[in-house]
Amino acid sequence: MKESGNSLSQETKAYWKRRALKAETEVQTWRRIMSVDNSMEMQIVAENAALRVAIQEIEEALSSLRSGLEVEAE
């Protein structure tokens, strides 16, 4: 064990510096993960909007067909 107070201080500074660098790396990793997650979420929102429009158009087409069939049946 080192007896000098200065050496202990240097070890403590090195420890906290390593910890800070590790924390910065983790923050960068989480930012990348969140960026990808947000991108995927926006893609899903766009796909859902397109699907809603398609479903609405299909419902309108089916409604039109039903109305046409009802007129023919009369």
N, C-alpha and C. Protein backbone atom coordinates (compact mmCIF):
# COMPACT_ATOMS: atom_id res chain seq x y z
N MET A 1 0.85 -1.18 0.00
CA MET A 1 0.00 0.00 0.00
C MET A 1 0.89 1.24 0.00
N LYS A 2 0.51 2.23 -0.70
CA LYS A 2 1.30 3.46 -0.78
C LYS A 2 1.01 4.31 0.45
N GLU A 3 2.05 4.85 0.97
CA GLU A 3 1.89 5.62 2.19
C GLU A 3 1.80 7.11 1.93
N SER A 4 2.21 7.55 0.80
CA SER A 4 2.21 8.97 0.52
C SER A 4 0.79 9.46 0.25
N GLY A 5 0.42 10.54 0.87
CA GLY A 5 -0.89 11.14 0.64
C GLY A 5 -1.05 11.60 -0.79
N ASN A 6 0.03 12.07 -1.41
CA ASN A 6 0.01 12.53 -2.79
C ASN A 6 -0.31 11.38 -3.74
N SER A 7 0.29 10.21 -3.49
CA SER A 7 0.03 9.04 -4.35
C SER A 7 -1.42 8.62 -4.25
N LEU A 8 -1.95 8.63 -3.03
CA LEU A 8 -3.35 8.26 -2.84
C LEU A 8 -4.25 9.25 -3.58
N SER A 9 -3.90 10.51 -3.52
CA SER A 9 -4.66 11.53 -4.22
C SER A 9 -4.62 11.29 -5.73
N GLN A 10 -3.47 10.92 -6.25
CA GLN A 10 -3.32 10.64 -7.67
C GLN A 10 -4.16 9.43 -8.07
N GLU A 11 -4.16 8.40 -7.23
CA GLU A 11 -4.97 7.20 -7.51
C GLU A 11 -6.45 7.55 -7.52
N THR A 12 -6.86 8.39 -6.59
CA THR A 12 -8.27 8.79 -6.51
C THR A 12 -8.66 9.59 -7.75
N LYS A 13 -7.78 10.51 -8.16
CA LYS A 13 -8.07 11.28 -9.37
C LYS A 13 -8.17 10.38 -10.58
N ALA A 14 -7.26 9.40 -10.69
CA ALA A 14 -7.29 8.47 -11.83
C ALA A 14 -8.57 7.64 -11.80
N TYR A 15 -8.97 7.21 -10.61
CA TYR A 15 -10.20 6.43 -10.47
C TYR A 15 -11.41 7.23 -10.96
N TRP A 16 -11.52 8.48 -10.51
CA TRP A 16 -12.67 9.29 -10.89
C TRP A 16 -12.63 9.66 -12.37
N LYS A 17 -11.44 9.82 -12.90
CA LYS A 17 -11.33 10.10 -14.33
C LYS A 17 -11.80 8.89 -15.14
N ARG A 18 -11.38 7.68 -14.72
CA ARG A 18 -11.85 6.45 -15.41
C ARG A 18 -13.35 6.33 -15.31
N ARG A 19 -13.88 6.64 -14.14
CA ARG A 19 -15.33 6.56 -13.95
C ARG A 19 -16.07 7.55 -14.84
N ALA A 20 -15.55 8.76 -14.94
CA ALA A 20 -16.17 9.79 -15.78
C ALA A 20 -16.13 9.38 -17.25
N LEU A 21 -15.01 8.83 -17.69
CA LEU A 21 -14.90 8.39 -19.09
C LEU A 21 -15.87 7.26 -19.38
N LYS A 22 -16.00 6.35 -18.42
CA LYS A 22 -16.95 5.25 -18.58
C LYS A 22 -18.38 5.79 -18.66
N ALA A 23 -18.70 6.75 -17.81
CA ALA A 23 -20.04 7.34 -17.81
C ALA A 23 -20.31 8.05 -19.14
N GLU A 24 -19.33 8.77 -19.66
CA GLU A 24 -19.51 9.44 -20.95
C GLU A 24 -19.76 8.44 -22.06
N THR A 25 -19.04 7.33 -22.03
CA THR A 25 -19.24 6.28 -23.03
C THR A 25 -20.65 5.70 -22.94
N GLU A 26 -21.10 5.47 -21.72
CA GLU A 26 -22.45 4.94 -21.53
C GLU A 26 -23.51 5.92 -22.02
N VAL A 27 -23.31 7.20 -21.77
CA VAL A 27 -24.26 8.22 -22.23
C VAL A 27 -24.31 8.22 -23.75
N GLN A 28 -23.16 8.15 -24.39
CA GLN A 28 -23.13 8.11 -25.86
C GLN A 28 -23.85 6.88 -26.38
N THR A 29 -23.65 5.75 -25.74
CA THR A 29 -24.32 4.51 -26.15
C THR A 29 -25.83 4.66 -26.03
N TRP A 30 -26.30 5.20 -24.89
CA TRP A 30 -27.74 5.38 -24.70
C TRP A 30 -28.32 6.37 -25.70
N ARG A 31 -27.55 7.41 -26.03
CA ARG A 31 -28.04 8.37 -27.03
C ARG A 31 -28.21 7.70 -28.38
N ARG A 32 -27.26 6.84 -28.76
CA ARG A 32 -27.39 6.12 -30.04
C ARG A 32 -28.60 5.20 -30.01
N ILE A 33 -28.78 4.50 -28.90
CA ILE A 33 -29.93 3.58 -28.77
C ILE A 33 -31.23 4.37 -28.89
N MET A 34 -31.32 5.50 -28.19
CA MET A 34 -32.55 6.30 -28.24
C MET A 34 -32.78 6.88 -29.63
N SER A 35 -31.72 7.24 -30.31
CA SER A 35 -31.85 7.78 -31.67
C SER A 35 -32.43 6.72 -32.60
N VAL A 36 -31.92 5.51 -32.51
CA VAL A 36 -32.44 4.42 -33.33
C VAL A 36 -33.89 4.13 -32.94
N ASP A 37 -34.16 4.12 -31.64
CA ASP A 37 -35.52 3.86 -31.16
C ASP A 37 -36.49 4.91 -31.68
N ASN A 38 -36.10 6.18 -31.62
CA ASN A 38 -36.96 7.26 -32.12
C ASN A 38 -37.18 7.14 -33.62
N SER A 39 -36.14 6.77 -34.34
CA SER A 39 -36.26 6.59 -35.79
C SER A 39 -37.24 5.47 -36.10
N MET A 40 -37.13 4.36 -35.37
CA MET A 40 -38.04 3.23 -35.59
C MET A 40 -39.48 3.63 -35.24
N GLU A 41 -39.64 4.39 -34.16
CA GLU A 41 -40.97 4.83 -33.75
C GLU A 41 -41.61 5.71 -34.83
N MET A 42 -40.83 6.62 -35.40
CA MET A 42 -41.36 7.49 -36.46
C MET A 42 -41.74 6.67 -37.69
N GLN A 43 -40.95 5.64 -38.00
CA GLN A 43 -41.27 4.77 -39.13
C GLN A 43 -42.58 4.04 -38.88
N ILE A 44 -42.78 3.55 -37.67
CA ILE A 44 -44.01 2.85 -37.32
C ILE A 44 -45.20 3.80 -37.40
N VAL A 45 -45.03 5.03 -36.93
CA VAL A 45 -46.12 6.01 -36.99
C VAL A 45 -46.52 6.27 -38.45
N ALA A 46 -45.52 6.42 -39.32
CA ALA A 46 -45.80 6.66 -40.74
C ALA A 46 -46.51 5.46 -41.36
N GLU A 47 -46.05 4.26 -41.03
CA GLU A 47 -46.69 3.05 -41.57
C GLU A 47 -48.12 2.93 -41.07
N ASN A 48 -48.35 3.23 -39.79
CA ASN A 48 -49.71 3.17 -39.24
C ASN A 48 -50.63 4.16 -39.93
N ALA A 49 -50.12 5.35 -40.22
CA ALA A 49 -50.94 6.35 -40.91
C ALA A 49 -51.31 5.85 -42.31
N ALA A 50 -50.35 5.28 -43.01
CA ALA A 50 -50.63 4.75 -44.36
C ALA A 50 -51.64 3.61 -44.29
N LEU A 51 -51.50 2.76 -43.29
CA LEU A 51 -52.45 1.64 -43.14
C LEU A 51 -53.85 2.14 -42.81
N ARG A 52 -53.94 3.18 -41.97
CA ARG A 52 -55.26 3.74 -41.66
C ARG A 52 -55.94 4.28 -42.91
N VAL A 53 -55.19 4.95 -43.77
CA VAL A 53 -55.75 5.47 -45.02
C VAL A 53 -56.20 4.32 -45.90
N ALA A 54 -55.37 3.29 -46.00
CA ALA A 54 -55.72 2.13 -46.83
C ALA A 54 -56.99 1.45 -46.32
N ILE A 55 -57.10 1.29 -45.01
CA ILE A 55 -58.29 0.66 -44.43
C ILE A 55 -59.52 1.51 -44.70
N GLN A 56 -59.38 2.82 -44.56
CA GLN A 56 -60.51 3.71 -44.84
C GLN A 56 -60.94 3.59 -46.30
N GLU A 57 -59.99 3.54 -47.21
CA GLU A 57 -60.32 3.40 -48.63
C GLU A 57 -60.99 2.06 -48.91
N ILE A 58 -60.53 1.01 -48.27
CA ILE A 58 -61.15 -0.31 -48.45
C ILE A 58 -62.57 -0.30 -47.91
N GLU A 59 -62.77 0.31 -46.73
CA GLU A 59 -64.12 0.39 -46.16
C GLU A 59 -65.05 1.17 -47.08
N GLU A 60 -64.54 2.26 -47.66
CA GLU A 60 -65.37 3.04 -48.59
C GLU A 60 -65.71 2.23 -49.84
N ALA A 61 -64.74 1.47 -50.36
CA ALA A 61 -64.99 0.64 -51.54
C ALA A 61 -66.01 -0.44 -51.23
N LEU A 62 -65.89 -1.07 -50.05
CA LEU A 62 -66.86 -2.11 -49.67
C LEU A 62 -68.24 -1.52 -49.48
N SER A 63 -68.31 -0.34 -48.90
CA SER A 63 -69.59 0.33 -48.72
C SER A 63 -70.24 0.62 -50.07
N SER A 64 -69.42 1.07 -51.01
CA SER A 64 -69.92 1.35 -52.37
C SER A 64 -70.45 0.07 -53.02
N LEU A 65 -69.70 -1.00 -52.85
CA LEU A 65 -70.14 -2.29 -53.43
C LEU A 65 -71.43 -2.76 -52.80
N ARG A 66 -71.54 -2.60 -51.48
CA ARG A 66 -72.78 -3.02 -50.81
C ARG A 66 -73.98 -2.20 -51.32
N SER A 67 -73.75 -0.90 -51.48
CA SER A 67 -74.83 -0.04 -51.97
C SER A 67 -75.23 -0.47 -53.38
N GLY A 68 -74.27 -0.79 -54.20
CA GLY A 68 -74.56 -1.25 -55.57
C GLY A 68 -75.32 -2.57 -55.57
N LEU A 69 -74.96 -3.48 -54.68
CA LEU A 69 -75.64 -4.76 -54.60
C LEU A 69 -77.07 -4.60 -54.10
N GLU A 70 -77.29 -3.67 -53.17
CA GLU A 70 -78.63 -3.42 -52.66
C GLU A 70 -79.53 -2.85 -53.75
N VAL A 71 -79.00 -1.99 -54.60
CA VAL A 71 -79.77 -1.40 -55.69
C VAL A 71 -80.14 -2.49 -56.68
N GLU A 72 -79.22 -3.38 -57.01
CA GLU A 72 -79.50 -4.47 -57.95
C GLU A 72 -80.52 -5.44 -57.40
N ALA A 73 -80.53 -5.64 -56.08
CA ALA A 73 -81.45 -6.61 -55.47
C ALA A 73 -82.90 -6.07 -55.49
N GLU A 74 -83.07 -4.79 -55.60
CA GLU A 74 -84.43 -4.23 -55.55
C GLU A 74 -85.13 -4.39 -56.83
